Amino acid sequence: MTFEELKTTILDRVKRLEICEAYQSALIAENKPALIAAAINLIEWTYESGIVDNTLLAEFDDADLNDAGIYKASFSLTNPSMDIYLLAGATGDIFLGEDIKRKIRILGSAELELVMSDNAHAEVKFFGASGSVELVSHASICLTLIRSAEVSSMVTGDSVLHVLLSDQSQLTHEAGGNSYTSIKAYNNAQVSYTIIGDAEIDVRKYQQAVVNEIIP
């Protein structure tokens, strides 16, 4: 597909939607990196709604996508300098430390393994995707699971984890050290958790969510 064909396809899919600023940015784009820049702030919505699907995504070079923080293949990163988006069949290993603060999105069939420490903070959302999250040595995370996402998490030290899960998503959680965990489960979500040591955990369930404490 040529650049003009790719651009026309995207514009045809979005022109009837109320995203004027993104449409105008795409309209004046003269190359693929400019098209990516036009969509980056709406990437969660455009990918989940199928405006940009895996077929269109394949038309973009990995290098151009990676430069914008978008990945659709295997990768490993330490303290990335920008927010990260995992799409299609991406599998990512990410380490965050040294006061790093990042937003991470995992969509489609992508998988993420995330390790955090040293006052790192992240805001992470799994959209029907899967993965694992580990917090050690004073890290914090806001974690959201929707659309049947499946995630395992572990917190130790004095780390802090806040989780919201819904739409039949599943969380397996282990809390240790002096960590604090807050979990809110909605709409048939499932939670299994284990407490070790002096960890504190607050679990609340709504709308047919299921919560099980596992005694070690």
C-alpha atoms as a PDB file:
ATOM      1  CA  MET A   1       0.000   0.000   0.000  1.00  0.00           C
ATOM      2  CA  THR A   2       1.412   3.404  -0.946  1.00  0.00           C
ATOM      3  CA  PHE A   3       1.536   6.245   1.540  1.00  0.00           C
ATOM      4  CA  GLU A   4      -1.329   8.043  -0.228  1.00  0.00           C
ATOM      5  CA  GLU A   5      -3.455   4.877  -0.179  1.00  0.00           C
ATOM      6  CA  LEU A   6      -2.727   4.391   3.507  1.00  0.00           C
ATOM      7  CA  LYS A   7      -3.574   7.997   4.304  1.00  0.00           C
ATOM      8  CA  THR A   8      -6.815   7.856   2.287  1.00  0.00           C
ATOM      9  CA  THR A   9      -7.903   4.659   4.066  1.00  0.00           C
ATOM     10  CA  ILE A  10      -7.367   6.197   7.496  1.00  0.00           C
ATOM     11  CA  LEU A  11      -9.110   9.448   6.570  1.00  0.00           C
ATOM     12  CA  ASP A  12     -12.110   7.562   5.170  1.00  0.00           C
ATOM     13  CA  ARG A  13     -12.458   5.694   8.456  1.00  0.00           C
ATOM     14  CA  VAL A  14     -12.294   8.755  10.709  1.00  0.00           C
ATOM     15  CA  LYS A  15     -13.932  11.585   8.747  1.00  0.00           C
ATOM     16  CA  ARG A  16     -17.413  10.987  10.196  1.00  0.00           C
ATOM     17  CA  LEU A  17     -16.152  10.874  13.764  1.00  0.00           C
ATOM     18  CA  GLU A  18     -15.844  13.802  16.141  1.00  0.00           C
ATOM     19  CA  ILE A  19     -12.047  13.935  16.218  1.00  0.00           C
ATOM     20  CA  CYS A  20     -11.502  17.063  14.151  1.00  0.00           C
ATOM     21  CA  GLU A  21      -8.011  17.895  15.395  1.00  0.00           C
ATOM     22  CA  ALA A  22      -6.664  14.401  14.676  1.00  0.00           C
ATOM     23  CA  TYR A  23      -8.383  14.378  11.275  1.00  0.00           C
ATOM     24  CA  GLN A  24      -6.795  17.675  10.285  1.00  0.00           C
ATOM     25  CA  SER A  25      -3.382  16.499  11.469  1.00  0.00           C
ATOM     26  CA  ALA A  26      -3.723  13.346   9.370  1.00  0.00           C
ATOM     27  CA  LEU A  27      -4.972  15.366   6.403  1.00  0.00           C
ATOM     28  CA  ILE A  28      -1.816  17.473   6.230  1.00  0.00           C
ATOM     29  CA  ALA A  29       0.558  14.589   7.005  1.00  0.00           C
ATOM     30  CA  GLU A  30       3.187  14.179   4.304  1.00  0.00           C
ATOM     31  CA  ASN A  31       4.772  10.938   5.508  1.00  0.00           C
ATOM     32  CA  LYS A  32       4.151   7.962   7.780  1.00  0.00           C
ATOM     33  CA  PRO A  33       5.833   9.422  10.894  1.00  0.00           C
ATOM     34  CA  ALA A  34       3.488  12.420  10.600  1.00  0.00           C
ATOM     35  CA  LEU A  35       0.493  10.056  10.388  1.00  0.00           C
ATOM     36  CA  ILE A  36       1.690   8.281  13.514  1.00  0.00           C
ATOM     37  CA  ALA A  37       2.092  11.601  15.324  1.00  0.00           C
ATOM     38  CA  ALA A  38      -1.477  12.529  14.359  1.00  0.00           C
ATOM     39  CA  ALA A  39      -2.845   9.365  15.957  1.00  0.00           C
ATOM     40  CA  ILE A  40      -0.635   8.929  19.024  1.00  0.00           C
ATOM     41  CA  ASN A  41      -2.929  10.757  21.468  1.00  0.00           C
ATOM     42  CA  LEU A  42      -5.906   8.653  20.343  1.00  0.00           C
ATOM     43  CA  ILE A  43      -4.143   5.367  19.785  1.00  0.00           C
ATOM     44  CA  GLU A  44      -6.067   3.433  22.434  1.00  0.00           C
ATOM     45  CA  TRP A  45      -9.381   4.407  20.907  1.00  0.00           C
ATOM     46  CA  THR A  46      -8.386   4.121  17.247  1.00  0.00           C
ATOM     47  CA  TYR A  47      -6.893   0.661  17.736  1.00  0.00           C
ATOM     48  CA  GLU A  48      -9.666  -0.701  19.949  1.00  0.00           C
ATOM     49  CA  SER A  49     -12.341   0.586  17.542  1.00  0.00           C
ATOM     50  CA  GLY A  50     -10.602  -0.909  14.506  1.00  0.00           C
ATOM     51  CA  ILE A  51      -9.866   2.381  12.745  1.00  0.00           C
ATOM     52  CA  VAL A  52      -6.244   1.286  12.777  1.00  0.00           C
ATOM     53  CA  ASP A  53      -6.224  -2.517  12.679  1.00  0.00           C
ATOM     54  CA  ASN A  54      -3.364  -4.984  12.424  1.00  0.00           C
ATOM     55  CA  THR A  55      -3.506  -4.916   8.617  1.00  0.00           C
ATOM     56  CA  LEU A  56      -2.981  -1.160   8.513  1.00  0.00           C
ATOM     57  CA  LEU A  57      -0.432  -1.358  11.317  1.00  0.00           C
ATOM     58  CA  ALA A  58       1.657  -3.703   9.190  1.00  0.00           C
ATOM     59  CA  GLU A  59       2.019  -0.914   6.613  1.00  0.00           C
ATOM     60  CA  PHE A  60       4.152   1.104   9.047  1.00  0.00           C
ATOM     61  CA  ASP A  61       7.850   0.428   9.564  1.00  0.00           C
ATOM     62  CA  ASP A  62       8.781  -0.850  13.017  1.00  0.00           C
ATOM     63  CA  ALA A  63      11.431   1.864  13.322  1.00  0.00           C
ATOM     64  CA  ASP A  64       8.902   4.677  12.766  1.00  0.00           C
ATOM     65  CA  LEU A  65       6.474   3.123  15.255  1.00  0.00           C
ATOM     66  CA  ASN A  66       9.202   2.504  17.848  1.00  0.00           C
ATOM     67  CA  ASP A  67      10.329   6.134  17.594  1.00  0.00           C
ATOM     68  CA  ALA A  68       6.825   7.080  18.781  1.00  0.00           C
ATOM     69  CA  GLY A  69       6.799   4.479  21.574  1.00  0.00           C
ATOM     70  CA  ILE A  70       4.623   1.985  19.657  1.00  0.00           C
ATOM     71  CA  TYR A  71       5.615  -1.673  19.419  1.00  0.00           C
ATOM     72  CA  LYS A  72       4.102  -4.594  17.502  1.00  0.00           C
ATOM     73  CA  ALA A  73       6.919  -7.143  17.922  1.00  0.00           C
ATOM     74  CA  SER A  74       9.169  -8.396  20.734  1.00  0.00           C
ATOM     75  CA  PHE A  75      11.240  -5.793  22.595  1.00  0.00           C
ATOM     76  CA  SER A  76      13.031  -5.006  25.846  1.00  0.00           C
ATOM     77  CA  LEU A  77      13.404  -1.547  27.401  1.00  0.00           C
ATOM     78  CA  THR A  78      15.029  -0.046  30.494  1.00  0.00           C
ATOM     79  CA  ASN A  79      13.761   3.353  31.669  1.00  0.00           C
ATOM     80  CA  PRO A  80      12.160   4.344  28.335  1.00  0.00           C
ATOM     81  CA  SER A  81      12.155   8.073  27.575  1.00  0.00           C
ATOM     82  CA  MET A  82       8.516   8.136  26.448  1.00  0.00           C
ATOM     83  CA  ASP A  83       5.161   6.464  27.078  1.00  0.00           C
ATOM     84  CA  ILE A  84       4.866   2.964  25.597  1.00  0.00           C
ATOM     85  CA  TYR A  85       2.090   1.274  23.576  1.00  0.00           C
ATOM     86  CA  LEU A  86       2.032  -2.473  22.879  1.00  0.00           C
ATOM     87  CA  LEU A  87      -0.210  -3.451  19.953  1.00  0.00           C
ATOM     88  CA  ALA A  88      -0.997  -6.544  17.873  1.00  0.00           C
ATOM     89  CA  GLY A  89       1.263  -9.427  18.922  1.00  0.00           C
ATOM     90  CA  ALA A  90       3.899  -7.386  20.750  1.00  0.00           C
ATOM     91  CA  THR A  91       5.674  -8.974  23.707  1.00  0.00           C
ATOM     92  CA  GLY A  92       7.561  -6.550  25.887  1.00  0.00           C
ATOM     93  CA  ASP A  93       9.895  -6.615  28.870  1.00  0.00           C
ATOM     94  CA  ILE A  94      10.121  -3.216  30.575  1.00  0.00           C
ATOM     95  CA  PHE A  95      12.085  -2.121  33.626  1.00  0.00           C
ATOM     96  CA  LEU A  96      11.315   1.216  35.303  1.00  0.00           C
ATOM     97  CA  GLY A  97      13.475   2.722  38.038  1.00  0.00           C
ATOM     98  CA  GLU A  98      15.281   5.884  39.121  1.00  0.00           C
ATOM     99  CA  ASP A  99      12.203   8.118  39.543  1.00  0.00           C
ATOM    100  CA  ILE A 100      10.906   7.303  36.051  1.00  0.00           C
ATOM    101  CA  LYS A 101       7.208   8.041  35.473  1.00  0.00           C
ATOM    102  CA  ARG A 102       5.510   6.481  32.442  1.00  0.00           C
ATOM    103  CA  LYS A 103       2.179   5.568  30.900  1.00  0.00           C
ATOM    104  CA  ILE A 104       1.950   2.091  29.347  1.00  0.00           C
ATOM    105  CA  ARG A 105      -0.905   0.643  27.288  1.00  0.00           C
ATOM    106  CA  ILE A 106      -1.248  -3.023  26.302  1.00  0.00           C
ATOM    107  CA  LEU A 107      -3.849  -3.807  23.634  1.00  0.00           C
ATOM    108  CA  GLY A 108      -5.031  -6.726  21.539  1.00  0.00           C
ATOM    109  CA  SER A 109      -3.057  -9.935  22.032  1.00  0.00           C
ATOM    110  CA  ALA A 110       0.041  -8.129  23.317  1.00  0.00           C
ATOM    111  CA  GLU A 111       1.865  -9.268  26.464  1.00  0.00           C
ATOM    112  CA  LEU A 112       3.880  -7.250  28.977  1.00  0.00           C
ATOM    113  CA  GLU A 113       6.300  -8.138  31.753  1.00  0.00           C
ATOM    114  CA  LEU A 114       6.917  -5.039  33.866  1.00  0.00           C
ATOM    115  CA  VAL A 115       9.347  -4.677  36.785  1.00  0.00           C
ATOM    116  CA  MET A 116       9.538  -1.446  38.790  1.00  0.00           C
ATOM    117  CA  SER A 117      11.730  -0.149  41.627  1.00  0.00           C
ATOM    118  CA  ASP A 118      13.510   2.929  43.008  1.00  0.00           C
ATOM    119  CA  ASN A 119      10.589   5.356  43.197  1.00  0.00           C
ATOM    120  CA  ALA A 120       9.323   4.609  39.693  1.00  0.00           C
ATOM    121  CA  HIS A 121       5.666   5.289  38.946  1.00  0.00           C
ATOM    122  CA  ALA A 122       3.488   3.999  36.113  1.00  0.00           C
ATOM    123  CA  GLU A 123      -0.097   4.239  34.932  1.00  0.00           C
ATOM    124  CA  VAL A 124      -0.778   0.978  33.102  1.00  0.00           C
ATOM    125  CA  LYS A 125      -3.870  -0.310  31.268  1.00  0.00           C
ATOM    126  CA  PHE A 126      -4.423  -3.797  29.874  1.00  0.00           C
ATOM    127  CA  PHE A 127      -7.151  -3.911  27.215  1.00  0.00           C
ATOM    128  CA  GLY A 128      -7.946  -7.626  26.861  1.00  0.00           C
ATOM    129  CA  ALA A 129      -4.219  -8.299  27.014  1.00  0.00           C
ATOM    130  CA  SER A 130      -2.081 -10.257  29.466  1.00  0.00           C
ATOM    131  CA  GLY A 131       1.092  -9.928  31.467  1.00  0.00           C
ATOM    132  CA  SER A 132       2.777  -9.560  34.826  1.00  0.00           C
ATOM    133  CA  VAL A 133       3.713  -6.646  37.069  1.00  0.00           C
ATOM    134  CA  GLU A 134       6.293  -6.686  39.869  1.00  0.00           C
ATOM    135  CA  LEU A 135       6.972  -3.780  42.236  1.00  0.00           C
ATOM    136  CA  VAL A 136       9.988  -3.744  44.545  1.00  0.00           C
ATOM    137  CA  SER A 137      11.768  -1.124  46.618  1.00  0.00           C
ATOM    138  CA  HIS A 138       9.391   1.852  46.787  1.00  0.00           C
ATOM    139  CA  ALA A 139       7.562   1.855  43.461  1.00  0.00           C
ATOM    140  CA  SER A 140       3.926   2.683  42.737  1.00  0.00           C
ATOM    141  CA  ILE A 141       1.465   1.893  39.989  1.00  0.00           C
ATOM    142  CA  CYS A 142      -2.120   2.587  38.932  1.00  0.00           C
ATOM    143  CA  LEU A 143      -3.248  -0.562  37.138  1.00  0.00           C
ATOM    144  CA  THR A 144      -6.426  -1.022  35.073  1.00  0.00           C
ATOM    145  CA  LEU A 145      -7.658  -4.304  33.599  1.00  0.00           C
ATOM    146  CA  ILE A 146     -10.624  -4.366  31.199  1.00  0.00           C
ATOM    147  CA  ARG A 147     -12.109  -6.628  28.508  1.00  0.00           C
ATOM    148  CA  SER A 148     -11.041  -9.985  29.964  1.00  0.00           C
ATOM    149  CA  ALA A 149      -7.438  -8.999  30.644  1.00  0.00           C
ATOM    150  CA  GLU A 150      -5.349 -11.515  32.617  1.00  0.00           C
ATOM    151  CA  VAL A 151      -2.553 -10.215  34.838  1.00  0.00           C
ATOM    152  CA  SER A 152      -0.440 -11.449  37.732  1.00  0.00           C
ATOM    153  CA  SER A 153       1.049  -8.902  40.142  1.00  0.00           C
ATOM    154  CA  MET A 154       3.451  -8.894  43.079  1.00  0.00           C
ATOM    155  CA  VAL A 155       4.394  -6.051  45.424  1.00  0.00           C
ATOM    156  CA  THR A 156       7.149  -6.070  48.046  1.00  0.00           C
ATOM    157  CA  GLY A 157       9.059  -3.552  50.122  1.00  0.00           C
ATOM    158  CA  ASP A 158       7.017  -0.399  50.708  1.00  0.00           C
ATOM    159  CA  SER A 159       5.558  -0.298  47.213  1.00  0.00           C
ATOM    160  CA  VAL A 160       1.979   0.798  46.489  1.00  0.00           C
ATOM    161  CA  LEU A 161      -0.423  -0.780  43.993  1.00  0.00           C
ATOM    162  CA  HIS A 162      -3.893   0.486  43.052  1.00  0.00           C
ATOM    163  CA  VAL A 163      -5.938  -1.803  40.789  1.00  0.00           C
ATOM    164  CA  LEU A 164      -9.296  -1.443  39.072  1.00  0.00           C
ATOM    165  CA  LEU A 165     -10.514  -4.417  37.062  1.00  0.00           C
ATOM    166  CA  SER A 166     -13.765  -5.186  35.255  1.00  0.00           C
ATOM    167  CA  ASP A 167     -15.360  -6.971  32.291  1.00  0.00           C
ATOM    168  CA  GLN A 168     -14.426 -10.518  33.405  1.00  0.00           C
ATOM    169  CA  SER A 169     -10.759  -9.618  33.821  1.00  0.00           C
ATOM    170  CA  GLN A 170      -8.629 -11.771  36.113  1.00  0.00           C
ATOM    171  CA  LEU A 171      -5.973 -10.731  38.629  1.00  0.00           C
ATOM    172  CA  THR A 172      -3.681 -12.982  40.654  1.00  0.00           C
ATOM    173  CA  HIS A 173      -1.915 -10.900  43.293  1.00  0.00           C
ATOM    174  CA  GLU A 174       0.734 -11.451  45.966  1.00  0.00           C
ATOM    175  CA  ALA A 175       1.427  -8.748  48.554  1.00  0.00           C
ATOM    176  CA  GLY A 176       4.538  -8.862  50.773  1.00  0.00           C
ATOM    177  CA  GLY A 177       6.823  -6.680  52.845  1.00  0.00           C
ATOM    178  CA  ASN A 178       5.253  -3.438  54.050  1.00  0.00           C
ATOM    179  CA  SER A 179       3.444  -2.864  50.770  1.00  0.00           C
ATOM    180  CA  TYR A 180      -0.051  -1.472  50.325  1.00  0.00           C
ATOM    181  CA  THR A 181      -2.566  -2.730  47.759  1.00  0.00           C
ATOM    182  CA  SER A 182      -6.009  -1.417  46.870  1.00  0.00           C
ATOM    183  CA  ILE A 183      -8.179  -3.544  44.563  1.00  0.00           C
ATOM    184  CA  LYS A 184     -11.617  -2.686  43.212  1.00  0.00           C
ATOM    185  CA  ALA A 185     -13.273  -5.396  41.121  1.00  0.00           C
ATOM    186  CA  TYR A 186     -16.389  -4.884  38.991  1.00  0.00           C
ATOM    187  CA  ASN A 187     -18.605  -6.696  36.501  1.00  0.00           C
ATOM    188  CA  ASN A 188     -17.692 -10.393  36.921  1.00  0.00           C
ATOM    189  CA  ALA A 189     -13.986  -9.739  37.432  1.00  0.00           C
ATOM    190  CA  GLN A 190     -12.036 -12.362  39.383  1.00  0.00           C
ATOM    191  CA  VAL A 191      -9.361 -11.719  42.025  1.00  0.00           C
ATOM    192  CA  SER A 192      -7.143 -14.174  43.863  1.00  0.00           C
ATOM    193  CA  TYR A 193      -4.696 -12.725  46.391  1.00  0.00           C
ATOM    194  CA  THR A 194      -2.115 -13.780  48.958  1.00  0.00           C
ATOM    195  CA  ILE A 195      -0.796 -11.702  51.869  1.00  0.00           C
ATOM    196  CA  ILE A 196       2.702 -12.341  53.235  1.00  0.00           C
ATOM    197  CA  GLY A 197       4.253 -10.560  56.219  1.00  0.00           C
ATOM    198  CA  ASP A 198       2.992  -7.109  57.159  1.00  0.00           C
ATOM    199  CA  ALA A 199       1.503  -6.187  53.809  1.00  0.00           C
ATOM    200  CA  GLU A 200      -1.802  -4.308  53.859  1.00  0.00           C
ATOM    201  CA  ILE A 201      -4.525  -4.937  51.306  1.00  0.00           C
ATOM    202  CA  ASP A 202      -7.980  -3.444  50.755  1.00  0.00           C
ATOM    203  CA  VAL A 203     -10.174  -5.457  48.374  1.00  0.00           C
ATOM    204  CA  ARG A 204     -13.671  -4.413  47.339  1.00  0.00           C
ATOM    205  CA  LYS A 205     -16.010  -6.168  44.930  1.00  0.00           C
ATOM    206  CA  TYR A 206     -19.077  -4.993  43.025  1.00  0.00           C
ATOM    207  CA  GLN A 207     -21.427  -6.276  40.306  1.00  0.00           C
ATOM    208  CA  GLN A 208     -20.870 -10.045  40.660  1.00  0.00           C
ATOM    209  CA  ALA A 209     -17.096  -9.822  41.014  1.00  0.00           C
ATOM    210  CA  VAL A 210     -15.432 -12.800  42.718  1.00  0.00           C
ATOM    211  CA  VAL A 211     -12.644 -12.466  45.298  1.00  0.00           C
ATOM    212  CA  ASN A 212     -10.649 -15.316  46.847  1.00  0.00           C
ATOM    213  CA  GLU A 213      -7.977 -15.016  49.519  1.00  0.00           C
ATOM    214  CA  ILE A 214      -5.307 -17.708  49.308  1.00  0.00           C
ATOM    215  CA  ILE A 215      -3.816 -18.596  52.695  1.00  0.00           C
ATOM    216  CA  PRO A 216      -0.068 -19.362  52.295  1.00  0.00           C
END
